[in-house]
Amino acid sequence: MTIKNILELDAELSKKMRIAENPGALRSAAAFFAHSGDSWFWAAGLLILWFLGNPSWKQWAAIQLGAIIIMAAIVLTVKFSVKRKRPEGEWGLMYRSTDPHSFPSGHAARSFLIAMMAVFLGPLWLTIILVIWGPLVALARVAMGVHYLSDIVVGGLLGVLGGWIGFAIYPAIYEWFLGWSGLVLW
């Protein structure tokens, strides 16, 4: 099987999963999940959690936000190296105009990263919610026609790998940041 055949199969499977043009409850749910992984949403939420949370939640928010920023840099580097055009469509004009590249999915990478970091950082109730939420965000991106299936698979793998690596190295990075900045985060 050649790369061309794989990309054609990818496009065909992605098209079968697409519901962006079909009004109804399933489309509304997919649109909600597709947007729920937006970086601005998570950045704002984590900043609010840091300002209003107790020391434990402040640390959770700081670690997640740092991981999200690093993952965004990795995803954008790959996207602008590969330059795979998004699937044609009308939904998600904001994404299409600000980021015309689809591979890998930043939303999939971010949602899987957040879920993976939650596995390590807890609490259990939030981990369960985020582990269910992550794949729903990724699948919704295909359903709404802004990504191909392979975009979310690779994005999800990047997120899981980033979560494992991030958890292993965050204590050292966190200590370096505190020493460098002089900030007391909680």
C-alpha atoms as a PDB file:
ATOM      1  CA  MET A   1       0.000   0.000   0.000  1.00  0.00           C
ATOM      2  CA  THR A   2       1.446   3.349  -1.030  1.00  0.00           C
ATOM      3  CA  ILE A   3       1.252   6.654   0.834  1.00  0.00           C
ATOM      4  CA  LYS A   4      -1.249   7.828  -1.782  1.00  0.00           C
ATOM      5  CA  ASN A   5      -3.498   4.815  -1.050  1.00  0.00           C
ATOM      6  CA  ILE A   6      -3.250   5.406   2.692  1.00  0.00           C
ATOM      7  CA  LEU A   7      -4.170   9.085   2.309  1.00  0.00           C
ATOM      8  CA  GLU A   8      -7.120   8.183   0.067  1.00  0.00           C
ATOM      9  CA  LEU A   9      -8.370   5.628   2.609  1.00  0.00           C
ATOM     10  CA  ASP A  10      -7.883   8.191   5.368  1.00  0.00           C
ATOM     11  CA  ALA A  11      -9.944  10.762   3.449  1.00  0.00           C
ATOM     12  CA  GLU A  12     -12.666   8.191   2.687  1.00  0.00           C
ATOM     13  CA  LEU A  13     -12.980   7.039   6.319  1.00  0.00           C
ATOM     14  CA  SER A  14     -12.940  10.640   7.536  1.00  0.00           C
ATOM     15  CA  LYS A  15     -15.700  11.568   5.104  1.00  0.00           C
ATOM     16  CA  LYS A  16     -17.861   8.688   6.386  1.00  0.00           C
ATOM     17  CA  MET A  17     -17.467   9.996   9.951  1.00  0.00           C
ATOM     18  CA  ARG A  18     -18.409  13.542   8.995  1.00  0.00           C
ATOM     19  CA  ILE A  19     -21.692  14.986  10.281  1.00  0.00           C
ATOM     20  CA  ALA A  20     -20.991  18.721  10.022  1.00  0.00           C
ATOM     21  CA  GLU A  21     -23.652  19.207   7.352  1.00  0.00           C
ATOM     22  CA  ASN A  22     -26.347  17.187   9.182  1.00  0.00           C
ATOM     23  CA  PRO A  23     -28.432  19.299  11.577  1.00  0.00           C
ATOM     24  CA  GLY A  24     -29.512  17.709  14.836  1.00  0.00           C
ATOM     25  CA  ALA A  25     -28.486  16.766  18.345  1.00  0.00           C
ATOM     26  CA  LEU A  26     -25.479  14.671  17.299  1.00  0.00           C
ATOM     27  CA  ARG A  27     -24.056  17.546  15.246  1.00  0.00           C
ATOM     28  CA  SER A  28     -24.635  19.960  18.151  1.00  0.00           C
ATOM     29  CA  ALA A  29     -22.850  17.604  20.537  1.00  0.00           C
ATOM     30  CA  ALA A  30     -19.962  17.180  18.094  1.00  0.00           C
ATOM     31  CA  ALA A  31     -19.654  20.960  17.670  1.00  0.00           C
ATOM     32  CA  PHE A  32     -19.605  21.392  21.465  1.00  0.00           C
ATOM     33  CA  PHE A  33     -16.849  18.801  21.933  1.00  0.00           C
ATOM     34  CA  ALA A  34     -14.897  20.116  18.935  1.00  0.00           C
ATOM     35  CA  HIS A  35     -14.783  23.576  20.549  1.00  0.00           C
ATOM     36  CA  SER A  36     -14.237  22.325  24.115  1.00  0.00           C
ATOM     37  CA  GLY A  37     -10.620  21.530  23.289  1.00  0.00           C
ATOM     38  CA  ASP A  38      -9.802  25.083  22.162  1.00  0.00           C
ATOM     39  CA  SER A  39      -6.526  26.357  23.590  1.00  0.00           C
ATOM     40  CA  TRP A  40      -7.933  29.747  24.627  1.00  0.00           C
ATOM     41  CA  PHE A  41     -10.696  27.989  26.596  1.00  0.00           C
ATOM     42  CA  TRP A  42      -8.205  25.852  28.500  1.00  0.00           C
ATOM     43  CA  ALA A  43      -5.754  28.689  29.058  1.00  0.00           C
ATOM     44  CA  ALA A  44      -8.512  30.895  30.492  1.00  0.00           C
ATOM     45  CA  GLY A  45      -9.908  28.077  32.635  1.00  0.00           C
ATOM     46  CA  LEU A  46      -6.513  27.109  34.013  1.00  0.00           C
ATOM     47  CA  LEU A  47      -5.651  30.726  34.815  1.00  0.00           C
ATOM     48  CA  ILE A  48      -8.949  31.121  36.675  1.00  0.00           C
ATOM     49  CA  LEU A  49      -8.267  27.867  38.527  1.00  0.00           C
ATOM     50  CA  TRP A  50      -4.806  29.113  39.446  1.00  0.00           C
ATOM     51  CA  PHE A  51      -6.151  32.430  40.802  1.00  0.00           C
ATOM     52  CA  LEU A  52      -9.075  30.910  42.693  1.00  0.00           C
ATOM     53  CA  GLY A  53      -7.771  27.467  43.638  1.00  0.00           C
ATOM     54  CA  ASN A  54      -6.040  26.180  46.710  1.00  0.00           C
ATOM     55  CA  PRO A  55      -2.300  25.314  46.482  1.00  0.00           C
ATOM     56  CA  SER A  56      -2.994  21.845  45.087  1.00  0.00           C
ATOM     57  CA  TRP A  57      -5.208  23.195  42.288  1.00  0.00           C
ATOM     58  CA  LYS A  58      -2.735  25.997  41.597  1.00  0.00           C
ATOM     59  CA  GLN A  59      -0.003  23.425  41.002  1.00  0.00           C
ATOM     60  CA  TRP A  60      -2.341  21.297  38.833  1.00  0.00           C
ATOM     61  CA  ALA A  61      -3.255  24.331  36.731  1.00  0.00           C
ATOM     62  CA  ALA A  62       0.354  25.503  36.350  1.00  0.00           C
ATOM     63  CA  ILE A  63       1.568  22.072  35.267  1.00  0.00           C
ATOM     64  CA  GLN A  64      -1.274  21.617  32.788  1.00  0.00           C
ATOM     65  CA  LEU A  65      -0.816  25.094  31.303  1.00  0.00           C
ATOM     66  CA  GLY A  66       2.927  24.587  30.917  1.00  0.00           C
ATOM     67  CA  ALA A  67       2.366  21.227  29.223  1.00  0.00           C
ATOM     68  CA  ILE A  68      -0.233  22.741  26.885  1.00  0.00           C
ATOM     69  CA  ILE A  69       2.140  25.527  25.829  1.00  0.00           C
ATOM     70  CA  ILE A  70       4.983  23.092  25.116  1.00  0.00           C
ATOM     71  CA  MET A  71       2.637  20.762  23.193  1.00  0.00           C
ATOM     72  CA  ALA A  72       1.326  23.681  21.126  1.00  0.00           C
ATOM     73  CA  ALA A  73       4.879  24.524  20.056  1.00  0.00           C
ATOM     74  CA  ILE A  74       5.522  20.905  19.054  1.00  0.00           C
ATOM     75  CA  VAL A  75       2.249  20.589  17.121  1.00  0.00           C
ATOM     76  CA  LEU A  76       2.734  23.890  15.293  1.00  0.00           C
ATOM     77  CA  THR A  77       6.263  22.888  14.306  1.00  0.00           C
ATOM     78  CA  VAL A  78       4.978  19.636  12.806  1.00  0.00           C
ATOM     79  CA  LYS A  79       1.971  21.341  11.165  1.00  0.00           C
ATOM     80  CA  PHE A  80       4.070  23.968   9.436  1.00  0.00           C
ATOM     81  CA  SER A  81       6.600  21.328   8.377  1.00  0.00           C
ATOM     82  CA  VAL A  82       4.029  18.890   6.923  1.00  0.00           C
ATOM     83  CA  LYS A  83       1.516  21.512   5.672  1.00  0.00           C
ATOM     84  CA  ARG A  84      -1.361  19.094   5.113  1.00  0.00           C
ATOM     85  CA  LYS A  85      -4.429  21.051   4.044  1.00  0.00           C
ATOM     86  CA  ARG A  86      -7.586  20.666   6.108  1.00  0.00           C
ATOM     87  CA  PRO A  87     -10.569  18.834   4.582  1.00  0.00           C
ATOM     88  CA  GLU A  88     -12.866  21.095   2.564  1.00  0.00           C
ATOM     89  CA  GLY A  89     -15.854  22.410   4.470  1.00  0.00           C
ATOM     90  CA  GLU A  90     -17.765  25.329   5.906  1.00  0.00           C
ATOM     91  CA  TRP A  91     -17.748  24.556   9.630  1.00  0.00           C
ATOM     92  CA  GLY A  92     -14.859  25.866  11.677  1.00  0.00           C
ATOM     93  CA  LEU A  93     -14.012  28.939   9.632  1.00  0.00           C
ATOM     94  CA  MET A  94     -12.064  30.304  12.592  1.00  0.00           C
ATOM     95  CA  TYR A  95      -9.780  27.249  12.556  1.00  0.00           C
ATOM     96  CA  ARG A  96      -9.529  27.241   8.778  1.00  0.00           C
ATOM     97  CA  SER A  97      -8.485  30.901   8.638  1.00  0.00           C
ATOM     98  CA  THR A  98      -6.065  30.956  11.587  1.00  0.00           C
ATOM     99  CA  ASP A  99      -4.516  27.531  10.945  1.00  0.00           C
ATOM    100  CA  PRO A 100      -5.012  26.045   7.468  1.00  0.00           C
ATOM    101  CA  HIS A 101      -2.988  22.918   8.321  1.00  0.00           C
ATOM    102  CA  SER A 102      -4.543  19.777   9.752  1.00  0.00           C
ATOM    103  CA  PHE A 103      -1.728  17.349  10.573  1.00  0.00           C
ATOM    104  CA  PRO A 104      -1.501  16.616  13.432  1.00  0.00           C
ATOM    105  CA  SER A 105      -4.613  17.749  15.275  1.00  0.00           C
ATOM    106  CA  GLY A 106      -3.705  20.221  17.992  1.00  0.00           C
ATOM    107  CA  HIS A 107      -7.068  19.642  19.670  1.00  0.00           C
ATOM    108  CA  ALA A 108      -6.456  15.880  19.810  1.00  0.00           C
ATOM    109  CA  ALA A 109      -2.912  16.388  21.115  1.00  0.00           C
ATOM    110  CA  ARG A 110      -4.117  18.882  23.737  1.00  0.00           C
ATOM    111  CA  SER A 111      -7.105  16.838  24.925  1.00  0.00           C
ATOM    112  CA  PHE A 112      -5.077  13.624  25.214  1.00  0.00           C
ATOM    113  CA  LEU A 113      -2.236  15.507  26.923  1.00  0.00           C
ATOM    114  CA  ILE A 114      -4.622  17.036  29.472  1.00  0.00           C
ATOM    115  CA  ALA A 115      -6.213  13.632  30.118  1.00  0.00           C
ATOM    116  CA  MET A 116      -2.834  11.902  30.409  1.00  0.00           C
ATOM    117  CA  MET A 117      -1.491  14.503  32.821  1.00  0.00           C
ATOM    118  CA  ALA A 118      -4.693  14.099  34.847  1.00  0.00           C
ATOM    119  CA  VAL A 119      -4.025  10.355  35.075  1.00  0.00           C
ATOM    120  CA  PHE A 120      -0.773  11.182  36.859  1.00  0.00           C
ATOM    121  CA  LEU A 121      -1.947  14.227  38.816  1.00  0.00           C
ATOM    122  CA  GLY A 122      -5.553  13.270  39.689  1.00  0.00           C
ATOM    123  CA  PRO A 123      -8.015  13.619  41.291  1.00  0.00           C
ATOM    124  CA  LEU A 124      -9.707  10.392  40.204  1.00  0.00           C
ATOM    125  CA  TRP A 125     -13.119  11.929  39.459  1.00  0.00           C
ATOM    126  CA  LEU A 126     -11.563  14.527  37.156  1.00  0.00           C
ATOM    127  CA  THR A 127      -9.279  11.958  35.557  1.00  0.00           C
ATOM    128  CA  ILE A 128     -12.280   9.818  34.610  1.00  0.00           C
ATOM    129  CA  ILE A 129     -14.066  12.794  33.066  1.00  0.00           C
ATOM    130  CA  LEU A 130     -10.992  13.913  31.096  1.00  0.00           C
ATOM    131  CA  VAL A 131     -10.125  10.404  29.872  1.00  0.00           C
ATOM    132  CA  ILE A 132     -13.646  10.176  28.400  1.00  0.00           C
ATOM    133  CA  TRP A 133     -13.578  13.780  27.145  1.00  0.00           C
ATOM    134  CA  GLY A 134     -10.245  13.546  25.272  1.00  0.00           C
ATOM    135  CA  PRO A 135     -11.294  11.021  22.614  1.00  0.00           C
ATOM    136  CA  LEU A 136     -14.652  12.784  22.211  1.00  0.00           C
ATOM    137  CA  VAL A 137     -12.852  16.029  21.356  1.00  0.00           C
ATOM    138  CA  ALA A 138     -10.658  14.235  18.832  1.00  0.00           C
ATOM    139  CA  LEU A 139     -13.526  12.386  17.153  1.00  0.00           C
ATOM    140  CA  ALA A 140     -15.605  15.564  17.058  1.00  0.00           C
ATOM    141  CA  ARG A 141     -12.877  17.280  15.054  1.00  0.00           C
ATOM    142  CA  VAL A 142     -13.273  14.640  12.318  1.00  0.00           C
ATOM    143  CA  ALA A 143     -17.061  14.662  12.628  1.00  0.00           C
ATOM    144  CA  MET A 144     -17.126  18.421  12.082  1.00  0.00           C
ATOM    145  CA  GLY A 145     -14.830  18.144   9.073  1.00  0.00           C
ATOM    146  CA  VAL A 146     -11.775  20.077  10.228  1.00  0.00           C
ATOM    147  CA  HIS A 147      -9.477  17.036  10.484  1.00  0.00           C
ATOM    148  CA  TYR A 148      -8.793  13.689   8.914  1.00  0.00           C
ATOM    149  CA  LEU A 149      -8.791  10.537  11.010  1.00  0.00           C
ATOM    150  CA  SER A 150      -4.987  10.226  10.799  1.00  0.00           C
ATOM    151  CA  ASP A 151      -4.659  13.801  12.136  1.00  0.00           C
ATOM    152  CA  ILE A 152      -6.398  12.885  15.373  1.00  0.00           C
ATOM    153  CA  VAL A 153      -4.648   9.521  15.724  1.00  0.00           C
ATOM    154  CA  VAL A 154      -1.215  11.149  15.503  1.00  0.00           C
ATOM    155  CA  GLY A 155      -2.369  14.093  17.637  1.00  0.00           C
ATOM    156  CA  GLY A 156      -3.676  11.694  20.286  1.00  0.00           C
ATOM    157  CA  LEU A 157      -0.414   9.733  20.280  1.00  0.00           C
ATOM    158  CA  LEU A 158       1.558  12.978  20.661  1.00  0.00           C
ATOM    159  CA  GLY A 159      -0.675  13.937  23.587  1.00  0.00           C
ATOM    160  CA  VAL A 160      -0.222  10.599  25.366  1.00  0.00           C
ATOM    161  CA  LEU A 161       3.534  10.610  24.777  1.00  0.00           C
ATOM    162  CA  GLY A 162       3.730  14.248  25.853  1.00  0.00           C
ATOM    163  CA  GLY A 163       1.813  13.424  29.033  1.00  0.00           C
ATOM    164  CA  TRP A 164       4.200  10.616  29.954  1.00  0.00           C
ATOM    165  CA  ILE A 165       7.302  12.638  29.216  1.00  0.00           C
ATOM    166  CA  GLY A 166       5.825  15.768  30.768  1.00  0.00           C
ATOM    167  CA  PHE A 167       5.029  14.001  34.010  1.00  0.00           C
ATOM    168  CA  ALA A 168       8.536  12.540  34.156  1.00  0.00           C
ATOM    169  CA  ILE A 169      10.287  15.884  33.669  1.00  0.00           C
ATOM    170  CA  TYR A 170       7.883  18.451  35.129  1.00  0.00           C
ATOM    171  CA  PRO A 171       9.426  18.527  38.626  1.00  0.00           C
ATOM    172  CA  ALA A 172      12.820  19.598  37.245  1.00  0.00           C
ATOM    173  CA  ILE A 173      11.309  22.131  34.825  1.00  0.00           C
ATOM    174  CA  TYR A 174       9.018  23.454  37.523  1.00  0.00           C
ATOM    175  CA  GLU A 175      11.915  23.967  39.956  1.00  0.00           C
ATOM    176  CA  TRP A 176      13.997  25.647  37.226  1.00  0.00           C
ATOM    177  CA  PHE A 177      11.113  27.985  36.395  1.00  0.00           C
ATOM    178  CA  LEU A 178      10.612  28.963  40.024  1.00  0.00           C
ATOM    179  CA  GLY A 179      14.329  29.628  40.460  1.00  0.00           C
ATOM    180  CA  TRP A 180      14.615  31.555  37.194  1.00  0.00           C
ATOM    181  CA  SER A 181      11.486  33.662  37.647  1.00  0.00           C
ATOM    182  CA  GLY A 182      11.598  34.195  41.382  1.00  0.00           C
ATOM    183  CA  LEU A 183       7.841  33.587  41.415  1.00  0.00           C
ATOM    184  CA  VAL A 184       6.001  31.769  44.129  1.00  0.00           C
ATOM    185  CA  LEU A 185       3.118  30.105  42.354  1.00  0.00           C
ATOM    186  CA  TRP A 186       1.217  29.110  45.495  1.00  0.00           C
END
